[in-house]
Amino acid sequence: MNRNLLAGIFALGVAGTASAGPHDVFGLFATESGNSHIEIADCGDGSPCGRVIWIDPKSVPAGKSVDTVTDANGDKVLGLTLLDGFRKKKSNWADGRIYDPEAGKTYGSRLKLLDNGQLEVKGCIGPICQTQHWPPVTAGQVGTSR
């Protein structure tokens, strides 16, 4: 067999089996409702921070524009950091915080990338958690509804 062909087959096999792990949470995701897009990037210390980069104009109350939407505490939602404070654990990011702009409250949080590419986001009060699955958004989809 031709050496170059064999090398090509091997390279395809390796690329085909590579997958993201549960810690690979960095990227763009749509919230479960689809009303906003969240960009998860490095906080500067290797841990993930998530901020609102897009709000669906259809979800904005009448008489307001996207850039004037505020949370329950009066802070602008566009650009707001919703996720931070995470520590890397064996199979996820834990001990973080998630902010709920509608309630104006912060909860404990855990993040993990699932095998299907969705981000599992947990908001917790003590041992009781609510789980959401946020689908990935490609750069070309930012600013569009699902």
C-alpha atoms as a PDB file:
ATOM      1  CA  MET A   1       0.000   0.000   0.000  1.00  0.00           C
ATOM      2  CA  ASN A   2       1.237   3.472  -0.814  1.00  0.00           C
ATOM      3  CA  ARG A   3       2.769   5.154   2.261  1.00  0.00           C
ATOM      4  CA  ASN A   4       0.991   8.463   1.599  1.00  0.00           C
ATOM      5  CA  LEU A   5      -2.364   6.708   1.284  1.00  0.00           C
ATOM      6  CA  LEU A   6      -1.771   4.858   4.545  1.00  0.00           C
ATOM      7  CA  ALA A   7      -0.785   8.111   6.282  1.00  0.00           C
ATOM      8  CA  GLY A   8      -3.943   9.771   4.936  1.00  0.00           C
ATOM      9  CA  ILE A   9      -6.172   6.950   6.168  1.00  0.00           C
ATOM     10  CA  PHE A  10      -4.531   7.101   9.599  1.00  0.00           C
ATOM     11  CA  ALA A  11      -4.987  10.891   9.787  1.00  0.00           C
ATOM     12  CA  LEU A  12      -8.686  10.560   8.865  1.00  0.00           C
ATOM     13  CA  GLY A  13      -9.152   7.882  11.500  1.00  0.00           C
ATOM     14  CA  VAL A  14      -7.590  10.020  14.217  1.00  0.00           C
ATOM     15  CA  ALA A  15      -9.548  13.123  13.218  1.00  0.00           C
ATOM     16  CA  GLY A  16     -12.756  11.126  13.049  1.00  0.00           C
ATOM     17  CA  THR A  17     -12.398   9.772  16.580  1.00  0.00           C
ATOM     18  CA  ALA A  18     -11.362  13.017  18.249  1.00  0.00           C
ATOM     19  CA  SER A  19     -14.108  14.504  20.376  1.00  0.00           C
ATOM     20  CA  ALA A  20     -14.527  17.358  22.765  1.00  0.00           C
ATOM     21  CA  GLY A  21     -14.343  16.558  26.439  1.00  0.00           C
ATOM     22  CA  PRO A  22     -16.663  17.739  29.218  1.00  0.00           C
ATOM     23  CA  HIS A  23     -14.300  20.639  30.026  1.00  0.00           C
ATOM     24  CA  ASP A  24     -14.413  22.064  26.464  1.00  0.00           C
ATOM     25  CA  VAL A  25     -17.223  24.485  27.317  1.00  0.00           C
ATOM     26  CA  PHE A  26     -15.763  27.496  25.501  1.00  0.00           C
ATOM     27  CA  GLY A  27     -17.737  28.786  22.535  1.00  0.00           C
ATOM     28  CA  LEU A  28     -21.124  30.193  21.573  1.00  0.00           C
ATOM     29  CA  PHE A  29     -24.394  28.775  22.872  1.00  0.00           C
ATOM     30  CA  ALA A  30     -28.090  29.615  22.671  1.00  0.00           C
ATOM     31  CA  THR A  31     -30.014  29.593  25.916  1.00  0.00           C
ATOM     32  CA  GLU A  32     -32.645  26.887  26.205  1.00  0.00           C
ATOM     33  CA  SER A  33     -35.404  29.400  25.386  1.00  0.00           C
ATOM     34  CA  GLY A  34     -33.445  30.592  22.329  1.00  0.00           C
ATOM     35  CA  ASN A  35     -33.954  34.222  23.394  1.00  0.00           C
ATOM     36  CA  SER A  36     -30.256  34.973  23.802  1.00  0.00           C
ATOM     37  CA  HIS A  37     -26.790  33.825  22.812  1.00  0.00           C
ATOM     38  CA  ILE A  38     -24.044  33.400  25.381  1.00  0.00           C
ATOM     39  CA  GLU A  39     -20.333  33.524  24.601  1.00  0.00           C
ATOM     40  CA  ILE A  40     -18.234  31.431  26.962  1.00  0.00           C
ATOM     41  CA  ALA A  41     -14.612  32.497  27.012  1.00  0.00           C
ATOM     42  CA  ASP A  42     -11.627  32.308  29.335  1.00  0.00           C
ATOM     43  CA  CYS A  43     -12.058  34.535  32.402  1.00  0.00           C
ATOM     44  CA  GLY A  44      -8.311  35.138  32.297  1.00  0.00           C
ATOM     45  CA  ASP A  45      -7.419  32.326  34.658  1.00  0.00           C
ATOM     46  CA  GLY A  46      -8.374  29.384  32.422  1.00  0.00           C
ATOM     47  CA  SER A  47     -11.887  29.104  33.846  1.00  0.00           C
ATOM     48  CA  PRO A  48     -15.036  29.830  31.811  1.00  0.00           C
ATOM     49  CA  CYS A  49     -17.018  33.082  31.938  1.00  0.00           C
ATOM     50  CA  GLY A  50     -20.249  33.467  29.992  1.00  0.00           C
ATOM     51  CA  ARG A  51     -21.693  36.769  28.830  1.00  0.00           C
ATOM     52  CA  VAL A  52     -24.760  37.756  26.825  1.00  0.00           C
ATOM     53  CA  ILE A  53     -23.774  38.738  23.283  1.00  0.00           C
ATOM     54  CA  TRP A  54     -27.209  38.732  21.613  1.00  0.00           C
ATOM     55  CA  ILE A  55     -30.836  39.111  22.651  1.00  0.00           C
ATOM     56  CA  ASP A  56     -33.663  38.166  20.284  1.00  0.00           C
ATOM     57  CA  PRO A  57     -35.447  41.428  19.407  1.00  0.00           C
ATOM     58  CA  LYS A  58     -38.761  39.509  19.412  1.00  0.00           C
ATOM     59  CA  SER A  59     -38.302  38.835  23.152  1.00  0.00           C
ATOM     60  CA  VAL A  60     -37.819  42.521  24.015  1.00  0.00           C
ATOM     61  CA  PRO A  61     -40.797  44.283  25.611  1.00  0.00           C
ATOM     62  CA  ALA A  62     -42.666  46.784  23.437  1.00  0.00           C
ATOM     63  CA  GLY A  63     -41.151  50.241  23.478  1.00  0.00           C
ATOM     64  CA  LYS A  64     -37.648  48.983  24.350  1.00  0.00           C
ATOM     65  CA  SER A  65     -34.660  48.216  22.187  1.00  0.00           C
ATOM     66  CA  VAL A  66     -32.234  45.326  22.699  1.00  0.00           C
ATOM     67  CA  ASP A  67     -29.521  47.613  24.077  1.00  0.00           C
ATOM     68  CA  THR A  68     -31.874  49.073  26.706  1.00  0.00           C
ATOM     69  CA  VAL A  69     -33.089  45.761  28.188  1.00  0.00           C
ATOM     70  CA  THR A  70     -32.226  45.634  31.876  1.00  0.00           C
ATOM     71  CA  ASP A  71     -32.211  42.917  34.508  1.00  0.00           C
ATOM     72  CA  ALA A  72     -34.203  42.929  37.758  1.00  0.00           C
ATOM     73  CA  ASN A  73     -31.491  45.131  39.309  1.00  0.00           C
ATOM     74  CA  GLY A  74     -31.520  47.734  36.520  1.00  0.00           C
ATOM     75  CA  ASP A  75     -28.259  46.633  34.823  1.00  0.00           C
ATOM     76  CA  LYS A  76     -28.078  46.261  31.037  1.00  0.00           C
ATOM     77  CA  VAL A  77     -28.392  42.613  30.004  1.00  0.00           C
ATOM     78  CA  LEU A  78     -26.466  42.857  26.716  1.00  0.00           C
ATOM     79  CA  GLY A  79     -22.820  42.269  27.651  1.00  0.00           C
ATOM     80  CA  LEU A  80     -23.720  41.080  31.152  1.00  0.00           C
ATOM     81  CA  THR A  81     -21.662  38.233  32.639  1.00  0.00           C
ATOM     82  CA  LEU A  82     -24.016  35.401  33.614  1.00  0.00           C
ATOM     83  CA  LEU A  83     -21.500  32.632  34.359  1.00  0.00           C
ATOM     84  CA  ASP A  84     -18.258  32.840  36.344  1.00  0.00           C
ATOM     85  CA  GLY A  85     -16.263  31.533  39.308  1.00  0.00           C
ATOM     86  CA  PHE A  86     -15.863  27.936  38.095  1.00  0.00           C
ATOM     87  CA  ARG A  87     -13.247  25.428  39.193  1.00  0.00           C
ATOM     88  CA  LYS A  88     -12.211  22.474  37.071  1.00  0.00           C
ATOM     89  CA  LYS A  89     -13.308  19.146  38.556  1.00  0.00           C
ATOM     90  CA  LYS A  90     -12.785  15.616  37.293  1.00  0.00           C
ATOM     91  CA  SER A  91     -15.732  15.543  34.863  1.00  0.00           C
ATOM     92  CA  ASN A  92     -17.078  19.109  34.755  1.00  0.00           C
ATOM     93  CA  TRP A  93     -16.689  22.723  35.839  1.00  0.00           C
ATOM     94  CA  ALA A  94     -18.204  23.226  39.305  1.00  0.00           C
ATOM     95  CA  ASP A  95     -18.417  25.668  42.210  1.00  0.00           C
ATOM     96  CA  GLY A  96     -19.351  28.453  39.792  1.00  0.00           C
ATOM     97  CA  ARG A  97     -22.138  30.992  39.710  1.00  0.00           C
ATOM     98  CA  ILE A  98     -25.006  31.606  37.323  1.00  0.00           C
ATOM     99  CA  TYR A  99     -26.923  34.850  37.353  1.00  0.00           C
ATOM    100  CA  ASP A 100     -30.638  34.941  36.512  1.00  0.00           C
ATOM    101  CA  PRO A 101     -31.309  38.418  35.074  1.00  0.00           C
ATOM    102  CA  GLU A 102     -35.097  38.053  35.351  1.00  0.00           C
ATOM    103  CA  ALA A 103     -34.959  37.337  39.094  1.00  0.00           C
ATOM    104  CA  GLY A 104     -31.813  39.350  39.776  1.00  0.00           C
ATOM    105  CA  LYS A 105     -30.427  36.402  41.744  1.00  0.00           C
ATOM    106  CA  THR A 106     -27.240  34.355  41.619  1.00  0.00           C
ATOM    107  CA  TYR A 107     -27.133  30.586  42.113  1.00  0.00           C
ATOM    108  CA  GLY A 108     -24.467  27.906  42.335  1.00  0.00           C
ATOM    109  CA  SER A 109     -23.644  26.410  38.952  1.00  0.00           C
ATOM    110  CA  ARG A 110     -21.974  23.545  37.128  1.00  0.00           C
ATOM    111  CA  LEU A 111     -21.088  23.268  33.424  1.00  0.00           C
ATOM    112  CA  LYS A 112     -20.277  20.324  31.207  1.00  0.00           C
ATOM    113  CA  LEU A 113     -20.103  19.817  27.447  1.00  0.00           C
ATOM    114  CA  LEU A 114     -22.155  16.789  26.415  1.00  0.00           C
ATOM    115  CA  ASP A 115     -21.204  14.350  23.668  1.00  0.00           C
ATOM    116  CA  ASN A 116     -23.909  15.857  21.407  1.00  0.00           C
ATOM    117  CA  GLY A 117     -22.221  19.287  21.602  1.00  0.00           C
ATOM    118  CA  GLN A 118     -24.803  20.845  23.896  1.00  0.00           C
ATOM    119  CA  LEU A 119     -23.744  22.629  27.045  1.00  0.00           C
ATOM    120  CA  GLU A 120     -25.287  21.225  30.202  1.00  0.00           C
ATOM    121  CA  VAL A 121     -25.876  24.159  32.550  1.00  0.00           C
ATOM    122  CA  LYS A 122     -26.990  23.546  36.116  1.00  0.00           C
ATOM    123  CA  GLY A 123     -28.229  26.234  38.471  1.00  0.00           C
ATOM    124  CA  CYS A 124     -28.360  25.076  42.083  1.00  0.00           C
ATOM    125  CA  ILE A 125     -29.591  26.072  45.497  1.00  0.00           C
ATOM    126  CA  GLY A 126     -27.747  23.693  47.780  1.00  0.00           C
ATOM    127  CA  PRO A 127     -28.164  20.125  46.507  1.00  0.00           C
ATOM    128  CA  ILE A 128     -31.235  20.937  44.382  1.00  0.00           C
ATOM    129  CA  CYS A 129     -30.384  21.819  40.785  1.00  0.00           C
ATOM    130  CA  GLN A 130     -32.276  22.792  37.660  1.00  0.00           C
ATOM    131  CA  THR A 131     -30.652  21.635  34.427  1.00  0.00           C
ATOM    132  CA  GLN A 132     -30.796  23.268  31.010  1.00  0.00           C
ATOM    133  CA  HIS A 133     -29.210  22.162  27.741  1.00  0.00           C
ATOM    134  CA  TRP A 134     -27.870  24.972  25.581  1.00  0.00           C
ATOM    135  CA  PRO A 135     -27.251  24.123  21.905  1.00  0.00           C
ATOM    136  CA  PRO A 136     -24.090  25.382  20.216  1.00  0.00           C
ATOM    137  CA  VAL A 137     -24.302  28.395  17.911  1.00  0.00           C
ATOM    138  CA  THR A 138     -21.938  28.867  14.986  1.00  0.00           C
ATOM    139  CA  ALA A 139     -20.455  32.295  14.341  1.00  0.00           C
ATOM    140  CA  GLY A 140     -22.764  32.639  11.325  1.00  0.00           C
ATOM    141  CA  GLN A 141     -25.838  31.972  13.483  1.00  0.00           C
ATOM    142  CA  VAL A 142     -25.159  34.675  16.071  1.00  0.00           C
ATOM    143  CA  GLY A 143     -28.017  37.120  15.987  1.00  0.00           C
ATOM    144  CA  THR A 144     -30.537  34.696  14.527  1.00  0.00           C
ATOM    145  CA  SER A 145     -33.357  32.798  16.190  1.00  0.00           C
ATOM    146  CA  ARG A 146     -33.429  29.036  16.205  1.00  0.00           C
END
